[in-house]
Amino acid sequence: MTHRTSLRVAGAVAGAALLATGGLAHAQDERTLDVDIVANSLGIHIPYMAALNEVLPEMEGYGAPNVERNSKLEVITQSVLTGSSEFGAGDAISTLRAVEAGADLKIIGNAFTNTSLVFVANAETIKEMKDLEKDGVTVAVNSPGDFTHVMLIKPLQDAGVDIDEVNVITMGGSGTRLRALLAGRVDAVPIHFDQAQQLPQDQYTVLIEPWGVYDNFLGEVWMASGEWLEDEANQRAAVDLLKANIKAFRRAQEDPEWYAAAFREYGTQDTMATASEEEIEAIRMQLANEVNAWPRDMNHRVAVYEELMPIYKAAGAVEGTVDLDTVIDTSFVEQALKELEAE
């Protein structure tokens, strides 16, 4: 039984209980969204996890969504395409590539902005960037051509490394890549900086911090089917999902205690449940201020995609043939911000 199926079974049981207590009418008014997200939740993911599990259900008309996790970003895109999920928090590049192939998808907002991924290497085998080209050296990314791969392009180019000479393999999930690095199966991986902090500092080195390289970067974005968004009720759901996400961004910036509680509740790394206030606050401050992961206005702009498109094309991730103004729909974020301003 999948997680989503188990949630639906649980919902049916809850519905029967509500019927016995006269609460069924209220339950029928609540909408349960189907959402696909990434496999692991680290510090950067916490606001949108809280948005799904706390903020959205606090809003009138919504229960907690059915959430499915996938380690492969392109699978999230496919789930939206096939209609098995209504929203996906997936990869902008995979979405753009699907649109180039004829898919009807819209990118409607950011699950977070920039990235907390860093590129970490075994210090014994990688002394400098050029060592990545050596025979026997292996780099693992989520999938060649997605943002975990593309984030390497500019800094490697700047260091004179030919990405085509680097042995790059596919390995989905930052937790899986971390374990592979520790086991010596690979030599360098993109993982989240809060995962990298758990590594012995004398044995591993951080080669790239993207927020020091890119003015803007895109990690996980909210996507939905264009046809699905033609329905007014679905448009309303899109606005409300983004409102919940923006509210969570702002809470994460303003309320350390709220963020710490959500960090322990929704984090998937074992150490997150028992992390100290000091450890969590250091992560929160870096994400809020240095990485700028949770902008108050979500920073969902076509200009960001125009800025990154040359890098996407250089990586061979996309052909660059899509009309960004058509695919990047900013209207739902604009409406969400307008409604938040009025509240």
Protein backbone atom coordinates (compact mmCIF):
# COMPACT_ATOMS: atom_id res chain seq x y z
CA MET A 1 0.00 0.00 0.00
CA THR A 2 1.45 3.38 -1.00
CA HIS A 3 1.54 6.33 1.34
CA ARG A 4 -1.17 8.06 -0.69
CA THR A 5 -3.40 4.96 -0.63
CA SER A 6 -2.96 4.59 3.12
CA LEU A 7 -3.93 8.23 3.56
CA ARG A 8 -7.09 7.70 1.52
CA VAL A 9 -7.98 4.63 3.58
CA ALA A 10 -7.40 6.64 6.74
CA GLY A 11 -9.60 9.36 5.31
CA ALA A 12 -12.39 6.89 4.70
CA VAL A 13 -12.17 5.67 8.28
CA ALA A 14 -12.17 9.25 9.56
CA GLY A 15 -15.20 10.00 7.39
CA ALA A 16 -17.11 7.12 8.97
CA ALA A 17 -16.25 8.43 12.41
CA LEU A 18 -17.46 11.90 11.46
CA LEU A 19 -20.72 10.48 10.19
CA ALA A 20 -21.31 8.86 13.56
CA THR A 21 -20.76 12.21 15.28
CA GLY A 22 -22.68 14.33 12.80
CA GLY A 23 -19.56 15.96 11.36
CA LEU A 24 -19.70 14.61 7.80
CA ALA A 25 -21.09 17.80 6.26
CA HIS A 26 -18.01 19.72 7.39
CA ALA A 27 -15.69 16.99 6.11
CA GLN A 28 -17.29 17.09 2.67
CA ASP A 29 -16.55 20.81 2.45
CA GLU A 30 -12.82 20.23 2.90
CA ARG A 31 -10.70 19.73 -0.19
CA THR A 32 -7.80 17.28 0.00
CA LEU A 33 -5.10 18.10 -2.53
CA ASP A 34 -2.83 15.45 -4.05
CA VAL A 35 0.78 16.68 -3.94
CA ASP A 36 4.07 15.08 -4.96
CA ILE A 37 7.30 16.26 -3.32
CA VAL A 38 10.94 15.21 -3.03
CA ALA A 39 12.03 12.27 -0.90
CA ASN A 40 13.97 14.14 1.79
CA SER A 41 13.06 17.21 3.84
CA LEU A 42 16.00 19.24 5.13
CA GLY A 43 16.16 22.74 6.57
CA ILE A 44 15.29 24.54 3.34
CA HIS A 45 12.16 22.41 2.84
CA ILE A 46 10.66 23.02 6.28
CA PRO A 47 8.47 26.06 5.45
CA TYR A 48 6.71 24.36 2.55
CA MET A 49 6.32 21.18 4.59
CA ALA A 50 4.67 23.24 7.33
CA ALA A 51 2.60 25.02 4.69
CA LEU A 52 1.17 21.69 3.54
CA ASN A 53 0.67 20.16 6.97
CA GLU A 54 -0.28 23.18 9.09
CA VAL A 55 -0.92 26.43 7.25
CA LEU A 56 -3.11 25.12 4.42
CA PRO A 57 -5.35 23.06 6.75
CA GLU A 58 -5.82 26.20 8.88
CA MET A 59 -7.38 27.88 5.84
CA GLU A 60 -11.10 27.46 5.22
CA GLY A 61 -11.99 24.59 2.92
CA TYR A 62 -8.86 22.44 3.17
CA GLY A 63 -7.75 19.36 5.00
CA ALA A 64 -4.20 18.08 5.12
CA PRO A 65 -3.14 17.08 1.59
CA ASN A 66 -2.25 13.60 0.40
CA VAL A 67 1.53 13.74 0.01
CA GLU A 68 3.63 11.36 -2.08
CA ARG A 69 7.44 11.42 -1.98
CA ASN A 70 9.73 10.66 -4.91
CA SER A 71 13.52 10.54 -5.04
CA LYS A 72 13.58 11.30 -8.78
CA LEU A 73 12.64 14.85 -9.70
CA GLU A 74 11.45 13.87 -13.18
CA VAL A 75 9.00 11.39 -11.60
CA ILE A 76 7.32 14.32 -9.85
CA THR A 77 6.91 16.05 -13.21
CA GLN A 78 5.46 12.87 -14.70
CA SER A 79 2.97 12.46 -11.85
CA VAL A 80 1.54 15.91 -12.60
CA LEU A 81 1.44 15.13 -16.31
CA THR A 82 -0.45 11.88 -15.78
CA GLY A 83 -2.90 13.45 -13.32
CA SER A 84 -1.90 11.26 -10.39
CA SER A 85 -1.06 14.46 -8.51
CA GLU A 86 -2.53 17.94 -8.73
CA PHE A 87 0.60 19.81 -7.71
CA GLY A 88 4.25 18.88 -7.79
CA ALA A 89 7.15 20.46 -5.94
CA GLY A 90 9.74 19.42 -8.49
CA ASP A 91 12.48 20.64 -10.75
CA ALA A 92 12.09 23.67 -13.02
CA ILE A 93 14.45 22.17 -15.59
CA SER A 94 12.60 18.86 -15.82
CA THR A 95 9.38 20.83 -16.25
CA LEU A 96 10.80 23.02 -19.01
CA ARG A 97 12.21 19.96 -20.75
CA ALA A 98 8.80 18.29 -20.62
CA VAL A 99 7.17 21.39 -22.10
CA GLU A 100 9.72 21.38 -24.92
CA ALA A 101 8.58 17.83 -25.63
CA GLY A 102 4.96 18.98 -25.86
CA ALA A 103 3.70 18.70 -22.28
CA ASP A 104 1.05 21.08 -21.00
CA LEU A 105 2.60 22.27 -17.72
CA LYS A 106 2.73 25.56 -15.85
CA ILE A 107 5.25 26.64 -13.23
CA ILE A 108 3.20 28.68 -10.76
CA GLY A 109 5.54 29.43 -7.85
CA ASN A 110 8.55 28.44 -5.77
CA ALA A 111 8.61 25.80 -3.05
CA PHE A 112 11.72 27.72 -2.01
CA THR A 113 14.24 29.88 -3.89
CA ASN A 114 17.91 29.32 -4.58
CA THR A 115 19.25 26.12 -3.03
CA SER A 116 20.88 24.85 0.14
CA LEU A 117 22.73 22.22 -1.87
CA VAL A 118 26.51 22.37 -1.72
CA PHE A 119 28.98 20.32 -3.73
CA VAL A 120 31.01 18.18 -1.35
CA ALA A 121 34.03 16.01 -2.19
CA ASN A 122 36.21 13.43 -0.54
CA ALA A 123 39.27 15.50 0.39
CA GLU A 124 41.60 12.55 -0.12
CA THR A 125 40.75 12.05 -3.79
CA ILE A 126 39.74 15.62 -4.73
CA LYS A 127 42.40 18.21 -3.94
CA GLU A 128 41.22 20.76 -6.50
CA MET A 129 38.42 21.13 -9.02
CA LYS A 130 40.53 19.76 -11.92
CA ASP A 131 40.74 16.44 -10.05
CA LEU A 132 37.12 15.85 -11.00
CA GLU A 133 38.30 15.06 -14.55
CA LYS A 134 40.61 12.23 -13.41
CA ASP A 135 40.00 8.60 -14.27
CA GLY A 136 38.35 6.73 -11.42
CA VAL A 137 36.65 9.82 -10.00
CA THR A 138 32.84 9.63 -9.88
CA VAL A 139 30.32 12.42 -9.25
CA ALA A 140 26.72 11.52 -8.36
CA VAL A 141 23.80 13.87 -9.07
CA ASN A 142 20.05 13.34 -8.84
CA SER A 143 19.81 13.19 -12.60
CA PRO A 144 22.05 14.60 -15.36
CA GLY A 145 20.42 17.77 -16.64
CA ASP A 146 18.43 18.60 -13.50
CA PHE A 147 19.26 21.43 -11.10
CA THR A 148 21.60 19.28 -8.96
CA HIS A 149 23.72 18.88 -12.09
CA VAL A 150 23.21 22.32 -13.64
CA MET A 151 24.32 24.11 -10.45
CA LEU A 152 27.82 22.73 -11.09
CA ILE A 153 28.16 24.14 -14.61
CA LYS A 154 29.21 27.75 -14.00
CA PRO A 155 31.66 27.12 -11.13
CA LEU A 156 33.24 24.20 -13.00
CA GLN A 157 33.56 26.34 -16.12
CA ASP A 158 35.14 29.10 -14.05
CA ALA A 159 37.64 26.55 -12.70
CA GLY A 160 38.48 25.30 -16.19
CA VAL A 161 36.83 21.92 -15.71
CA ASP A 162 35.20 20.32 -18.75
CA ILE A 163 31.95 18.80 -17.45
CA ASP A 164 32.01 16.36 -20.39
CA GLU A 165 35.23 14.90 -19.00
CA VAL A 166 33.67 14.26 -15.58
CA ASN A 167 32.15 10.84 -14.85
CA VAL A 168 28.65 11.77 -13.71
CA ILE A 169 26.19 9.11 -12.56
CA THR A 170 22.56 9.21 -11.47
CA MET A 171 21.71 8.79 -7.79
CA GLY A 172 18.34 10.08 -6.57
CA GLY A 173 17.90 11.63 -3.12
CA SER A 174 20.40 13.70 -1.15
CA GLY A 175 20.33 11.17 1.69
CA THR A 176 21.27 8.37 -0.70
CA ARG A 177 24.12 10.45 -2.14
CA LEU A 178 25.38 11.27 1.35
CA ARG A 179 25.50 7.59 2.29
CA ALA A 180 27.28 6.75 -0.97
CA LEU A 181 29.89 9.43 -0.30
CA LEU A 182 30.50 8.13 3.22
CA ALA A 183 30.79 4.58 1.90
CA GLY A 184 33.38 5.63 -0.70
CA ARG A 185 31.19 4.60 -3.61
CA VAL A 186 31.43 8.09 -5.13
CA ASP A 187 33.91 10.95 -4.76
CA ALA A 188 31.73 14.08 -4.89
CA VAL A 189 28.01 14.85 -4.52
CA PRO A 190 25.54 17.71 -4.18
CA ILE A 191 23.93 17.47 -0.73
CA HIS A 192 22.29 20.04 1.53
CA PHE A 193 24.63 22.11 3.66
CA ASP A 194 22.99 20.89 6.87
CA GLN A 195 23.83 17.33 5.76
CA ALA A 196 27.38 18.39 4.93
CA GLN A 197 27.79 19.79 8.46
CA GLN A 198 27.46 16.23 9.79
CA LEU A 199 30.56 15.10 7.86
CA PRO A 200 34.07 14.95 9.38
CA GLN A 201 35.50 18.27 8.24
CA ASP A 202 39.03 16.90 7.83
CA GLN A 203 37.86 14.19 5.42
CA TYR A 204 35.47 16.13 3.20
CA THR A 205 35.61 19.53 1.57
CA VAL A 206 32.91 21.86 0.22
CA LEU A 207 33.86 22.79 -3.33
CA ILE A 208 30.82 24.87 -4.33
CA GLU A 209 28.28 27.01 -2.48
CA PRO A 210 25.84 28.09 -5.23
CA TRP A 211 24.54 31.16 -3.40
CA GLY A 212 28.06 32.62 -3.77
CA VAL A 213 28.05 31.93 -7.52
CA TYR A 214 24.53 32.72 -8.75
CA ASP A 215 22.49 35.86 -8.11
CA ASN A 216 19.37 33.70 -8.38
CA PHE A 217 18.97 29.95 -8.62
CA LEU A 218 15.96 27.67 -8.81
CA GLY A 219 15.57 24.55 -6.73
CA GLU A 220 12.07 23.14 -6.38
CA VAL A 221 9.12 24.86 -8.01
CA TRP A 222 5.37 24.37 -7.84
CA MET A 223 3.96 23.02 -11.07
CA ALA A 224 0.52 21.98 -12.31
CA SER A 225 -1.14 20.92 -15.53
CA GLY A 226 -2.26 23.77 -17.76
CA GLU A 227 -5.53 22.03 -18.54
CA TRP A 228 -6.15 21.34 -14.84
CA LEU A 229 -5.64 25.03 -14.07
CA GLU A 230 -8.42 26.02 -16.48
CA ASP A 231 -10.98 25.02 -13.83
CA GLU A 232 -11.88 27.91 -11.49
CA ALA A 233 -11.91 25.70 -8.40
CA ASN A 234 -8.40 24.53 -9.23
CA GLN A 235 -7.26 28.09 -9.76
CA ARG A 236 -8.55 28.86 -6.28
CA ALA A 237 -6.61 25.88 -4.90
CA ALA A 238 -3.43 27.09 -6.61
CA VAL A 239 -3.74 30.54 -5.06
CA ASP A 240 -4.42 29.07 -1.62
CA LEU A 241 -1.48 26.67 -1.81
CA LEU A 242 0.83 29.55 -2.68
CA LYS A 243 -0.68 31.73 0.05
CA ALA A 244 0.07 28.98 2.55
CA ASN A 245 3.62 28.71 1.25
CA ILE A 246 4.22 32.47 1.43
CA LYS A 247 2.79 32.59 4.96
CA ALA A 248 5.19 29.81 5.93
CA PHE A 249 8.11 31.69 4.34
CA ARG A 250 7.28 34.70 6.49
CA ARG A 251 6.85 32.67 9.67
CA ALA A 252 10.20 30.99 9.08
CA GLN A 253 11.84 34.41 8.79
CA GLU A 254 10.12 35.92 11.81
CA ASP A 255 9.52 33.12 14.32
CA PRO A 256 12.53 30.98 15.32
CA GLU A 257 10.47 28.91 17.75
CA TRP A 258 7.89 28.05 15.09
CA TYR A 259 10.62 27.08 12.64
CA ALA A 260 12.42 24.96 15.24
CA ALA A 261 9.25 23.02 16.04
CA ALA A 262 8.54 22.44 12.33
CA PHE A 263 12.19 21.47 11.76
CA ARG A 264 11.95 18.70 14.33
CA GLU A 265 8.51 17.61 13.14
CA TYR A 266 9.02 17.45 9.38
CA GLY A 267 12.74 16.83 8.90
CA THR A 268 13.61 13.43 7.47
CA GLN A 269 17.22 13.27 8.66
CA ASP A 270 17.40 11.38 11.97
CA THR A 271 19.36 14.09 13.77
CA MET A 272 16.75 16.76 12.99
CA ALA A 273 14.26 15.48 15.57
CA THR A 274 16.73 16.01 18.40
CA ALA A 275 18.65 19.04 17.09
CA SER A 276 19.33 21.81 19.62
CA GLU A 277 17.86 25.29 19.42
CA GLU A 278 21.31 26.64 18.59
CA GLU A 279 21.86 24.19 15.74
CA ILE A 280 18.46 24.87 14.21
CA GLU A 281 18.81 28.62 14.55
CA ALA A 282 22.16 28.59 12.76
CA ILE A 283 20.57 26.73 9.86
CA ARG A 284 17.53 29.03 9.83
CA MET A 285 19.65 32.19 9.81
CA GLN A 286 21.84 30.97 6.97
CA LEU A 287 18.85 29.95 4.86
CA ALA A 288 16.90 33.15 5.55
CA ASN A 289 19.75 35.64 5.17
CA GLU A 290 22.61 34.15 3.16
CA VAL A 291 20.77 31.75 0.86
CA ASN A 292 17.59 33.89 0.71
CA ALA A 293 15.52 30.73 0.48
CA TRP A 294 12.22 32.20 1.64
CA PRO A 295 11.59 35.67 0.13
CA ARG A 296 8.49 37.41 1.42
CA ASP A 297 7.13 37.83 -2.13
CA MET A 298 8.32 34.34 -3.29
CA ASN A 299 10.44 35.96 -6.05
CA HIS A 300 8.55 34.08 -8.76
CA ARG A 301 9.55 36.06 -11.84
CA VAL A 302 10.10 35.29 -15.52
CA ALA A 303 13.31 37.35 -15.33
CA VAL A 304 14.91 34.71 -13.06
CA TYR A 305 14.32 32.05 -15.73
CA GLU A 306 15.68 34.34 -18.45
CA GLU A 307 18.79 34.81 -16.35
CA LEU A 308 19.32 31.07 -15.89
CA MET A 309 18.37 29.88 -19.38
CA PRO A 310 21.90 30.29 -20.84
CA ILE A 311 23.26 28.07 -18.07
CA TYR A 312 20.52 25.48 -18.64
CA LYS A 313 21.37 25.45 -22.34
CA ALA A 314 25.13 25.24 -21.70
CA ALA A 315 24.49 22.17 -19.56
CA GLY A 316 22.45 20.58 -22.34
CA ALA A 317 19.51 20.47 -19.93
CA VAL A 318 17.09 22.26 -22.26
CA GLU A 319 17.08 23.47 -25.85
CA GLY A 320 15.72 26.88 -24.90
CA THR A 321 12.79 26.75 -27.31
CA VAL A 322 9.94 27.35 -24.83
CA ASP A 323 8.07 30.61 -24.49
CA LEU A 324 8.86 31.43 -20.86
CA ASP A 325 6.00 33.92 -20.63
CA THR A 326 3.62 31.07 -21.40
CA VAL A 327 5.10 28.44 -19.09
CA ILE A 328 5.96 30.67 -16.11
CA ASP A 329 2.59 31.77 -14.79
CA THR A 330 3.00 34.49 -12.18
CA SER A 331 -0.71 35.30 -11.84
CA PHE A 332 -1.36 32.93 -8.94
CA VAL A 333 1.47 34.34 -6.81
CA GLU A 334 0.34 37.86 -7.68
CA GLN A 335 -3.20 37.04 -6.53
CA ALA A 336 -1.92 35.37 -3.36
CA LEU A 337 0.16 38.44 -2.49
CA LYS A 338 -2.79 40.74 -3.19
CA GLU A 339 -5.01 38.73 -0.85
CA LEU A 340 -2.35 38.59 1.85
CA GLU A 341 -1.96 42.35 1.64
CA ALA A 342 -5.69 42.74 2.20
CA GLU A 343 -5.80 40.42 5.24
